[in-house]
Amino acid sequence: MRRLVSLVPALAVLALVAAGCGSATNDYRGKVADVQHKYEQRMTDLTTKGTTDLTTNPAAATATFTELATVVSQFAEDVAQIKPPDDKQQLANQLVGAYRTLAQASLDLKAALANHDQAALQKAVSEFNQATAQESAAVDAFNAAD
């Protein structure tokens, strides 16, 4: 069986591990892994830079979170283009939805930083953390599916 690995913490990255037979679900996971490979390093680099710059260089963090949102959005769209098995469509929708939420949370972080709004920043950080938890839950649900 193939397993998805969560982007959490701090958008680590979706990774798929191969093992076992070639079911439709495993085929889907393999195609998602191919897309993931395309974005993996960039997402990791941007997340690391953004979280570091958040406290040390807020001006740079705004640009980084904008770029991160763009990369995560494109990743979500590319994954959305992969047809899952019919009985896994809802799980695939949850997974793509989690990535889209993460992209929006990145934009919210950028806006809060750009506006120097401490309350909005705290809310955006919370949203970002919730988005990573949502992504993790979606990955766990897909891994639990046969």
N, C-alpha and C. Protein backbone atom coordinates (compact mmCIF):
# COMPACT_ATOMS: atom_id res chain seq x y z
N MET A 1 0.84 -1.17 0.00
CA MET A 1 0.00 0.00 0.00
C MET A 1 0.88 1.23 0.00
N ARG A 2 0.42 2.29 -0.63
CA ARG A 2 1.12 3.57 -0.61
C ARG A 2 0.49 4.43 0.47
N ARG A 3 1.31 5.26 1.11
CA ARG A 3 0.81 6.11 2.18
C ARG A 3 1.21 7.55 1.89
N LEU A 4 0.33 8.46 2.21
CA LEU A 4 0.63 9.88 2.14
C LEU A 4 1.25 10.30 3.46
N VAL A 5 2.10 11.28 3.42
CA VAL A 5 2.68 11.85 4.63
C VAL A 5 2.30 13.32 4.65
N SER A 6 1.95 13.80 5.79
CA SER A 6 1.44 15.15 5.96
C SER A 6 2.46 16.23 5.63
N LEU A 7 1.97 17.41 5.28
CA LEU A 7 2.80 18.59 5.09
C LEU A 7 3.27 19.16 6.43
N VAL A 8 2.63 18.78 7.50
CA VAL A 8 2.89 19.31 8.81
C VAL A 8 4.22 18.79 9.32
N PRO A 9 5.00 19.46 10.13
CA PRO A 9 4.78 20.81 10.59
C PRO A 9 5.28 21.80 9.56
N ALA A 10 4.83 22.97 9.61
CA ALA A 10 5.28 24.08 8.76
C ALA A 10 5.39 23.69 7.29
N LEU A 11 4.41 23.02 6.79
CA LEU A 11 4.32 22.68 5.38
C LEU A 11 5.47 21.82 4.92
N ALA A 12 5.85 20.85 5.69
CA ALA A 12 6.99 20.01 5.35
C ALA A 12 6.90 19.48 3.95
N VAL A 13 5.85 18.83 3.55
CA VAL A 13 5.64 18.40 2.18
C VAL A 13 4.88 17.09 2.15
N LEU A 14 4.09 16.95 1.14
CA LEU A 14 3.39 15.70 0.89
C LEU A 14 4.41 14.73 0.33
N ALA A 15 4.51 13.58 0.92
CA ALA A 15 5.39 12.54 0.39
C ALA A 15 4.60 11.26 0.37
N LEU A 16 4.80 10.50 -0.64
CA LEU A 16 4.09 9.24 -0.78
C LEU A 16 5.12 8.12 -0.73
N VAL A 17 4.82 7.11 0.04
CA VAL A 17 5.72 5.99 0.20
C VAL A 17 5.11 4.78 -0.48
N ALA A 18 5.86 4.17 -1.35
CA ALA A 18 5.36 3.00 -2.07
C ALA A 18 5.59 1.73 -1.27
N ALA A 19 4.61 0.87 -1.35
CA ALA A 19 4.74 -0.46 -0.78
C ALA A 19 3.56 -1.27 -1.27
N GLY A 20 3.80 -2.45 -1.73
CA GLY A 20 2.70 -3.34 -2.05
C GLY A 20 2.13 -3.19 -3.44
N CYS A 21 0.86 -3.51 -3.58
CA CYS A 21 0.20 -3.72 -4.85
C CYS A 21 -0.24 -2.43 -5.53
N GLY A 22 -0.84 -2.58 -6.72
CA GLY A 22 -1.19 -1.45 -7.55
C GLY A 22 -2.67 -1.17 -7.61
N SER A 23 -3.33 -0.97 -6.52
CA SER A 23 -4.76 -0.64 -6.53
C SER A 23 -4.97 0.74 -7.13
N ALA A 24 -6.22 1.06 -7.45
CA ALA A 24 -6.55 2.38 -7.98
C ALA A 24 -6.17 3.48 -6.99
N THR A 25 -6.36 3.21 -5.71
CA THR A 25 -5.97 4.20 -4.69
C THR A 25 -4.47 4.41 -4.70
N ASN A 26 -3.72 3.32 -4.82
CA ASN A 26 -2.26 3.45 -4.89
C ASN A 26 -1.82 4.17 -6.16
N ASP A 27 -2.51 3.92 -7.26
CA ASP A 27 -2.19 4.63 -8.49
C ASP A 27 -2.39 6.13 -8.32
N TYR A 28 -3.50 6.48 -7.67
CA TYR A 28 -3.78 7.89 -7.38
C TYR A 28 -2.66 8.48 -6.52
N ARG A 29 -2.32 7.78 -5.47
CA ARG A 29 -1.26 8.26 -4.57
C ARG A 29 0.05 8.44 -5.34
N GLY A 30 0.34 7.52 -6.25
CA GLY A 30 1.56 7.63 -7.04
C GLY A 30 1.56 8.86 -7.93
N LYS A 31 0.41 9.17 -8.53
CA LYS A 31 0.31 10.37 -9.36
C LYS A 31 0.45 11.63 -8.52
N VAL A 32 -0.13 11.61 -7.33
CA VAL A 32 0.03 12.76 -6.43
C VAL A 32 1.51 12.89 -6.04
N ALA A 33 2.19 11.78 -5.83
CA ALA A 33 3.61 11.82 -5.49
C ALA A 33 4.43 12.46 -6.60
N ASP A 34 4.06 12.17 -7.85
CA ASP A 34 4.76 12.78 -8.97
C ASP A 34 4.60 14.30 -8.95
N VAL A 35 3.39 14.76 -8.67
CA VAL A 35 3.15 16.21 -8.59
C VAL A 35 3.90 16.79 -7.40
N GLN A 36 3.84 16.10 -6.29
CA GLN A 36 4.51 16.55 -5.08
C GLN A 36 6.00 16.75 -5.33
N HIS A 37 6.60 15.85 -6.04
CA HIS A 37 8.04 15.93 -6.30
C HIS A 37 8.40 17.25 -6.99
N LYS A 38 7.50 17.72 -7.83
CA LYS A 38 7.71 18.97 -8.57
C LYS A 38 7.76 20.18 -7.63
N TYR A 39 7.01 20.15 -6.54
CA TYR A 39 6.87 21.32 -5.66
C TYR A 39 7.58 21.19 -4.31
N GLU A 40 7.95 19.99 -3.97
CA GLU A 40 8.46 19.66 -2.64
C GLU A 40 9.52 20.61 -2.11
N GLN A 41 10.61 20.76 -2.84
CA GLN A 41 11.72 21.55 -2.33
C GLN A 41 11.35 23.03 -2.20
N ARG A 42 10.63 23.54 -3.17
CA ARG A 42 10.26 24.96 -3.13
C ARG A 42 9.33 25.26 -1.96
N MET A 43 8.36 24.37 -1.72
CA MET A 43 7.45 24.58 -0.59
C MET A 43 8.19 24.53 0.73
N THR A 44 9.11 23.59 0.85
CA THR A 44 9.89 23.48 2.08
C THR A 44 10.75 24.72 2.29
N ASP A 45 11.43 25.15 1.24
CA ASP A 45 12.30 26.32 1.34
C ASP A 45 11.50 27.58 1.71
N LEU A 46 10.36 27.77 1.06
CA LEU A 46 9.55 28.95 1.34
C LEU A 46 8.97 28.93 2.75
N THR A 47 8.55 27.75 3.20
CA THR A 47 8.01 27.65 4.56
C THR A 47 9.08 27.97 5.59
N THR A 48 10.25 27.42 5.40
CA THR A 48 11.35 27.67 6.32
C THR A 48 11.70 29.16 6.33
N LYS A 49 11.83 29.74 5.15
CA LYS A 49 12.17 31.16 5.07
C LYS A 49 11.06 32.02 5.68
N GLY A 50 9.81 31.71 5.36
CA GLY A 50 8.70 32.50 5.88
C GLY A 50 8.61 32.46 7.39
N THR A 51 8.76 31.28 7.97
CA THR A 51 8.65 31.18 9.42
C THR A 51 9.84 31.84 10.11
N THR A 52 11.02 31.80 9.48
CA THR A 52 12.18 32.50 10.05
C THR A 52 12.01 34.00 9.93
N ASP A 53 11.61 34.45 8.73
CA ASP A 53 11.44 35.89 8.50
C ASP A 53 10.29 36.50 9.27
N LEU A 54 9.34 35.68 9.67
CA LEU A 54 8.18 36.18 10.41
C LEU A 54 8.60 37.02 11.61
N THR A 55 9.64 36.60 12.29
CA THR A 55 10.10 37.34 13.48
C THR A 55 11.33 38.20 13.22
N THR A 56 12.14 37.84 12.22
CA THR A 56 13.39 38.57 12.01
C THR A 56 13.32 39.60 10.90
N ASN A 57 12.46 39.39 9.90
CA ASN A 57 12.39 40.30 8.77
C ASN A 57 10.98 40.28 8.18
N PRO A 58 10.02 40.93 8.85
CA PRO A 58 8.63 40.89 8.40
C PRO A 58 8.42 41.35 6.96
N ALA A 59 9.21 42.30 6.48
CA ALA A 59 9.06 42.77 5.10
C ALA A 59 9.38 41.63 4.12
N ALA A 60 10.42 40.90 4.39
CA ALA A 60 10.77 39.76 3.53
C ALA A 60 9.73 38.66 3.66
N ALA A 61 9.17 38.50 4.85
CA ALA A 61 8.17 37.45 5.07
C ALA A 61 6.92 37.70 4.23
N THR A 62 6.54 38.96 4.01
CA THR A 62 5.36 39.23 3.20
C THR A 62 5.54 38.69 1.78
N ALA A 63 6.71 38.92 1.21
CA ALA A 63 7.00 38.41 -0.14
C ALA A 63 7.06 36.89 -0.13
N THR A 64 7.64 36.34 0.90
CA THR A 64 7.77 34.88 0.99
C THR A 64 6.41 34.22 1.10
N PHE A 65 5.53 34.76 1.94
CA PHE A 65 4.20 34.16 2.09
C PHE A 65 3.35 34.34 0.83
N THR A 66 3.57 35.41 0.09
CA THR A 66 2.89 35.57 -1.20
C THR A 66 3.34 34.48 -2.16
N GLU A 67 4.63 34.27 -2.23
CA GLU A 67 5.17 33.23 -3.12
C GLU A 67 4.73 31.84 -2.66
N LEU A 68 4.73 31.61 -1.35
CA LEU A 68 4.29 30.33 -0.83
C LEU A 68 2.83 30.07 -1.21
N ALA A 69 1.99 31.07 -1.09
CA ALA A 69 0.58 30.92 -1.46
C ALA A 69 0.45 30.55 -2.94
N THR A 70 1.25 31.16 -3.77
CA THR A 70 1.21 30.87 -5.20
C THR A 70 1.63 29.42 -5.47
N VAL A 71 2.70 29.00 -4.85
CA VAL A 71 3.21 27.64 -5.06
C VAL A 71 2.22 26.61 -4.52
N VAL A 72 1.69 26.82 -3.32
CA VAL A 72 0.74 25.87 -2.74
C VAL A 72 -0.55 25.85 -3.57
N SER A 73 -0.99 26.99 -4.05
CA SER A 73 -2.19 27.03 -4.90
C SER A 73 -1.99 26.23 -6.17
N GLN A 74 -0.84 26.40 -6.80
CA GLN A 74 -0.57 25.64 -8.02
C GLN A 74 -0.47 24.16 -7.73
N PHE A 75 0.15 23.83 -6.62
CA PHE A 75 0.22 22.43 -6.19
C PHE A 75 -1.18 21.86 -6.01
N ALA A 76 -2.04 22.60 -5.34
CA ALA A 76 -3.43 22.16 -5.12
C ALA A 76 -4.14 21.95 -6.45
N GLU A 77 -3.96 22.89 -7.37
CA GLU A 77 -4.62 22.77 -8.68
C GLU A 77 -4.10 21.55 -9.45
N ASP A 78 -2.81 21.32 -9.39
CA ASP A 78 -2.25 20.16 -10.09
C ASP A 78 -2.76 18.85 -9.48
N VAL A 79 -2.87 18.80 -8.16
CA VAL A 79 -3.41 17.60 -7.51
C VAL A 79 -4.89 17.45 -7.85
N ALA A 80 -5.61 18.56 -7.92
CA ALA A 80 -7.04 18.52 -8.24
C ALA A 80 -7.29 17.95 -9.64
N GLN A 81 -6.31 18.07 -10.52
CA GLN A 81 -6.45 17.56 -11.89
C GLN A 81 -6.30 16.04 -11.97
N ILE A 82 -5.84 15.42 -10.90
CA ILE A 82 -5.66 13.96 -10.87
C ILE A 82 -6.99 13.32 -10.48
N LYS A 83 -7.46 12.42 -11.29
CA LYS A 83 -8.74 11.75 -11.03
C LYS A 83 -8.53 10.65 -9.99
N PRO A 84 -9.18 10.77 -8.83
CA PRO A 84 -9.09 9.71 -7.83
C PRO A 84 -10.08 8.60 -8.17
N PRO A 85 -9.94 7.46 -7.53
CA PRO A 85 -10.98 6.43 -7.68
C PRO A 85 -12.32 7.04 -7.25
N ASP A 86 -13.40 6.63 -7.92
CA ASP A 86 -14.72 7.21 -7.62
C ASP A 86 -15.07 7.17 -6.14
N ASP A 87 -14.72 6.07 -5.49
CA ASP A 87 -15.09 5.95 -4.07
C ASP A 87 -14.16 6.75 -3.14
N LYS A 88 -13.17 7.42 -3.71
CA LYS A 88 -12.23 8.23 -2.91
C LYS A 88 -12.33 9.71 -3.26
N GLN A 89 -13.33 10.09 -4.06
CA GLN A 89 -13.46 11.48 -4.49
C GLN A 89 -13.58 12.43 -3.30
N GLN A 90 -14.39 12.08 -2.32
CA GLN A 90 -14.56 12.96 -1.15
C GLN A 90 -13.24 13.15 -0.42
N LEU A 91 -12.46 12.07 -0.26
CA LEU A 91 -11.17 12.19 0.40
C LEU A 91 -10.21 13.06 -0.41
N ALA A 92 -10.24 12.89 -1.72
CA ALA A 92 -9.38 13.71 -2.59
C ALA A 92 -9.79 15.18 -2.49
N ASN A 93 -11.09 15.44 -2.42
CA ASN A 93 -11.57 16.82 -2.26
C ASN A 93 -11.10 17.42 -0.94
N GLN A 94 -11.10 16.62 0.12
CA GLN A 94 -10.61 17.09 1.42
C GLN A 94 -9.13 17.45 1.32
N LEU A 95 -8.37 16.61 0.65
CA LEU A 95 -6.93 16.84 0.52
C LEU A 95 -6.66 18.13 -0.25
N VAL A 96 -7.29 18.28 -1.41
CA VAL A 96 -7.11 19.49 -2.22
C VAL A 96 -7.63 20.71 -1.45
N GLY A 97 -8.75 20.57 -0.79
CA GLY A 97 -9.29 21.68 0.00
C GLY A 97 -8.33 22.12 1.10
N ALA A 98 -7.67 21.17 1.71
CA ALA A 98 -6.69 21.50 2.75
C ALA A 98 -5.53 22.31 2.16
N TYR A 99 -5.07 21.94 0.97
CA TYR A 99 -3.99 22.71 0.34
C TYR A 99 -4.46 24.12 -0.02
N ARG A 100 -5.68 24.23 -0.50
CA ARG A 100 -6.21 25.55 -0.84
C ARG A 100 -6.36 26.42 0.41
N THR A 101 -6.78 25.82 1.51
CA THR A 101 -6.89 26.54 2.77
C THR A 101 -5.52 27.01 3.24
N LEU A 102 -4.52 26.17 3.05
CA LEU A 102 -3.15 26.52 3.43
C LEU A 102 -2.65 27.69 2.58
N ALA A 103 -2.97 27.70 1.31
CA ALA A 103 -2.58 28.81 0.45
C ALA A 103 -3.24 30.11 0.93
N GLN A 104 -4.53 30.05 1.26
CA GLN A 104 -5.23 31.24 1.75
C GLN A 104 -4.65 31.71 3.08
N ALA A 105 -4.32 30.77 3.94
CA ALA A 105 -3.72 31.14 5.23
C ALA A 105 -2.38 31.86 5.01
N SER A 106 -1.64 31.44 4.00
CA SER A 106 -0.37 32.11 3.67
C SER A 106 -0.63 33.55 3.24
N LEU A 107 -1.67 33.75 2.43
CA LEU A 107 -2.03 35.12 2.01
C LEU A 107 -2.49 35.96 3.19
N ASP A 108 -3.21 35.35 4.12
CA ASP A 108 -3.66 36.07 5.32
C ASP A 108 -2.47 36.49 6.17
N LEU A 109 -1.47 35.64 6.26
CA LEU A 109 -0.24 36.00 6.99
C LEU A 109 0.44 37.18 6.32
N LYS A 110 0.54 37.12 5.02
CA LYS A 110 1.16 38.21 4.26
C LYS A 110 0.42 39.53 4.50
N ALA A 111 -0.90 39.49 4.42
CA ALA A 111 -1.68 40.72 4.62
C ALA A 111 -1.51 41.29 6.01
N ALA A 112 -1.52 40.42 7.00
CA ALA A 112 -1.36 40.88 8.39
C ALA A 112 0.02 41.52 8.59
N LEU A 113 1.03 40.91 8.01
CA LEU A 113 2.38 41.48 8.12
C LEU A 113 2.47 42.82 7.39
N ALA A 114 1.91 42.87 6.19
CA ALA A 114 1.98 44.10 5.40
C ALA A 114 1.26 45.25 6.09
N ASN A 115 0.19 44.94 6.80
CA ASN A 115 -0.60 45.97 7.49
C ASN A 115 -0.11 46.24 8.91
N HIS A 116 0.91 45.53 9.33
CA HIS A 116 1.44 45.69 10.69
C HIS A 116 0.34 45.55 11.73
N ASP A 117 -0.54 44.60 11.50
CA ASP A 117 -1.70 44.38 12.35
C ASP A 117 -1.45 43.16 13.22
N GLN A 118 -1.10 43.42 14.47
CA GLN A 118 -0.72 42.34 15.39
C GLN A 118 -1.88 41.37 15.65
N ALA A 119 -3.09 41.89 15.81
CA ALA A 119 -4.25 41.02 16.05
C ALA A 119 -4.51 40.13 14.83
N ALA A 120 -4.44 40.73 13.64
CA ALA A 120 -4.64 39.95 12.41
C ALA A 120 -3.52 38.94 12.24
N LEU A 121 -2.32 39.30 12.65
CA LEU A 121 -1.19 38.38 12.54
C LEU A 121 -1.41 37.16 13.43
N GLN A 122 -1.86 37.39 14.66
CA GLN A 122 -2.13 36.27 15.56
C GLN A 122 -3.22 35.36 14.98
N LYS A 123 -4.26 36.00 14.42
CA LYS A 123 -5.34 35.23 13.80
C LYS A 123 -4.82 34.44 12.59
N ALA A 124 -3.99 35.07 11.78
CA ALA A 124 -3.45 34.41 10.59
C ALA A 124 -2.53 33.25 10.95
N VAL A 125 -1.72 33.42 12.00
CA VAL A 125 -0.87 32.31 12.45
C VAL A 125 -1.74 31.15 12.91
N SER A 126 -2.81 31.46 13.63
CA SER A 126 -3.74 30.42 14.06
C SER A 126 -4.37 29.73 12.85
N GLU A 127 -4.80 30.51 11.85
CA GLU A 127 -5.38 29.94 10.64
C GLU A 127 -4.38 29.04 9.92
N PHE A 128 -3.13 29.48 9.85
CA PHE A 128 -2.08 28.69 9.20
C PHE A 128 -1.91 27.37 9.94
N ASN A 129 -1.86 27.43 11.26
CA ASN A 129 -1.72 26.20 12.05
C ASN A 129 -2.93 25.29 11.89
N GLN A 130 -4.12 25.87 11.85
CA GLN A 130 -5.33 25.08 11.63
C GLN A 130 -5.33 24.45 10.25
N ALA A 131 -4.83 25.19 9.26
CA ALA A 131 -4.76 24.67 7.90
C ALA A 131 -3.81 23.48 7.82
N THR A 132 -2.69 23.57 8.53
CA THR A 132 -1.77 22.43 8.52
C THR A 132 -2.38 21.23 9.23
N ALA A 133 -3.16 21.48 10.29
CA ALA A 133 -3.86 20.38 10.97
C ALA A 133 -4.92 19.77 10.07
N GLN A 134 -5.63 20.62 9.31
CA GLN A 134 -6.63 20.12 8.35
C GLN A 134 -5.95 19.26 7.28
N GLU A 135 -4.83 19.70 6.81
CA GLU A 135 -4.08 18.94 5.80
C GLU A 135 -3.65 17.60 6.37
N SER A 136 -3.16 17.61 7.61
CA SER A 136 -2.74 16.38 8.25
C SER A 136 -3.90 15.40 8.41
N ALA A 137 -5.06 15.92 8.80
CA ALA A 137 -6.24 15.07 8.96
C ALA A 137 -6.68 14.49 7.62
N ALA A 138 -6.59 15.28 6.55
CA ALA A 138 -6.95 14.79 5.22
C ALA A 138 -6.00 13.68 4.78
N VAL A 139 -4.72 13.86 5.04
CA VAL A 139 -3.73 12.83 4.71
C VAL A 139 -4.02 11.56 5.51
N ASP A 140 -4.27 11.71 6.80
CA ASP A 140 -4.58 10.55 7.64
C ASP A 140 -5.81 9.81 7.13
N ALA A 141 -6.83 10.55 6.74
CA ALA A 141 -8.06 9.92 6.22
C ALA A 141 -7.77 9.17 4.93
N PHE A 142 -6.94 9.75 4.07
CA PHE A 142 -6.62 9.06 2.82
C PHE A 142 -5.79 7.81 3.10
N ASN A 143 -4.88 7.90 4.05
CA ASN A 143 -4.07 6.73 4.40
C ASN A 143 -4.90 5.61 5.02
N ALA A 144 -5.96 5.96 5.72
CA ALA A 144 -6.82 4.96 6.34
C ALA A 144 -7.71 4.26 5.31
N ALA A 145 -7.87 4.88 4.15
CA ALA A 145 -8.73 4.32 3.11
C ALA A 145 -7.99 3.20 2.37
N ASP A 146 -8.75 2.20 1.97
CA ASP A 146 -8.13 1.13 1.17
C ASP A 146 -8.37 1.34 -0.29
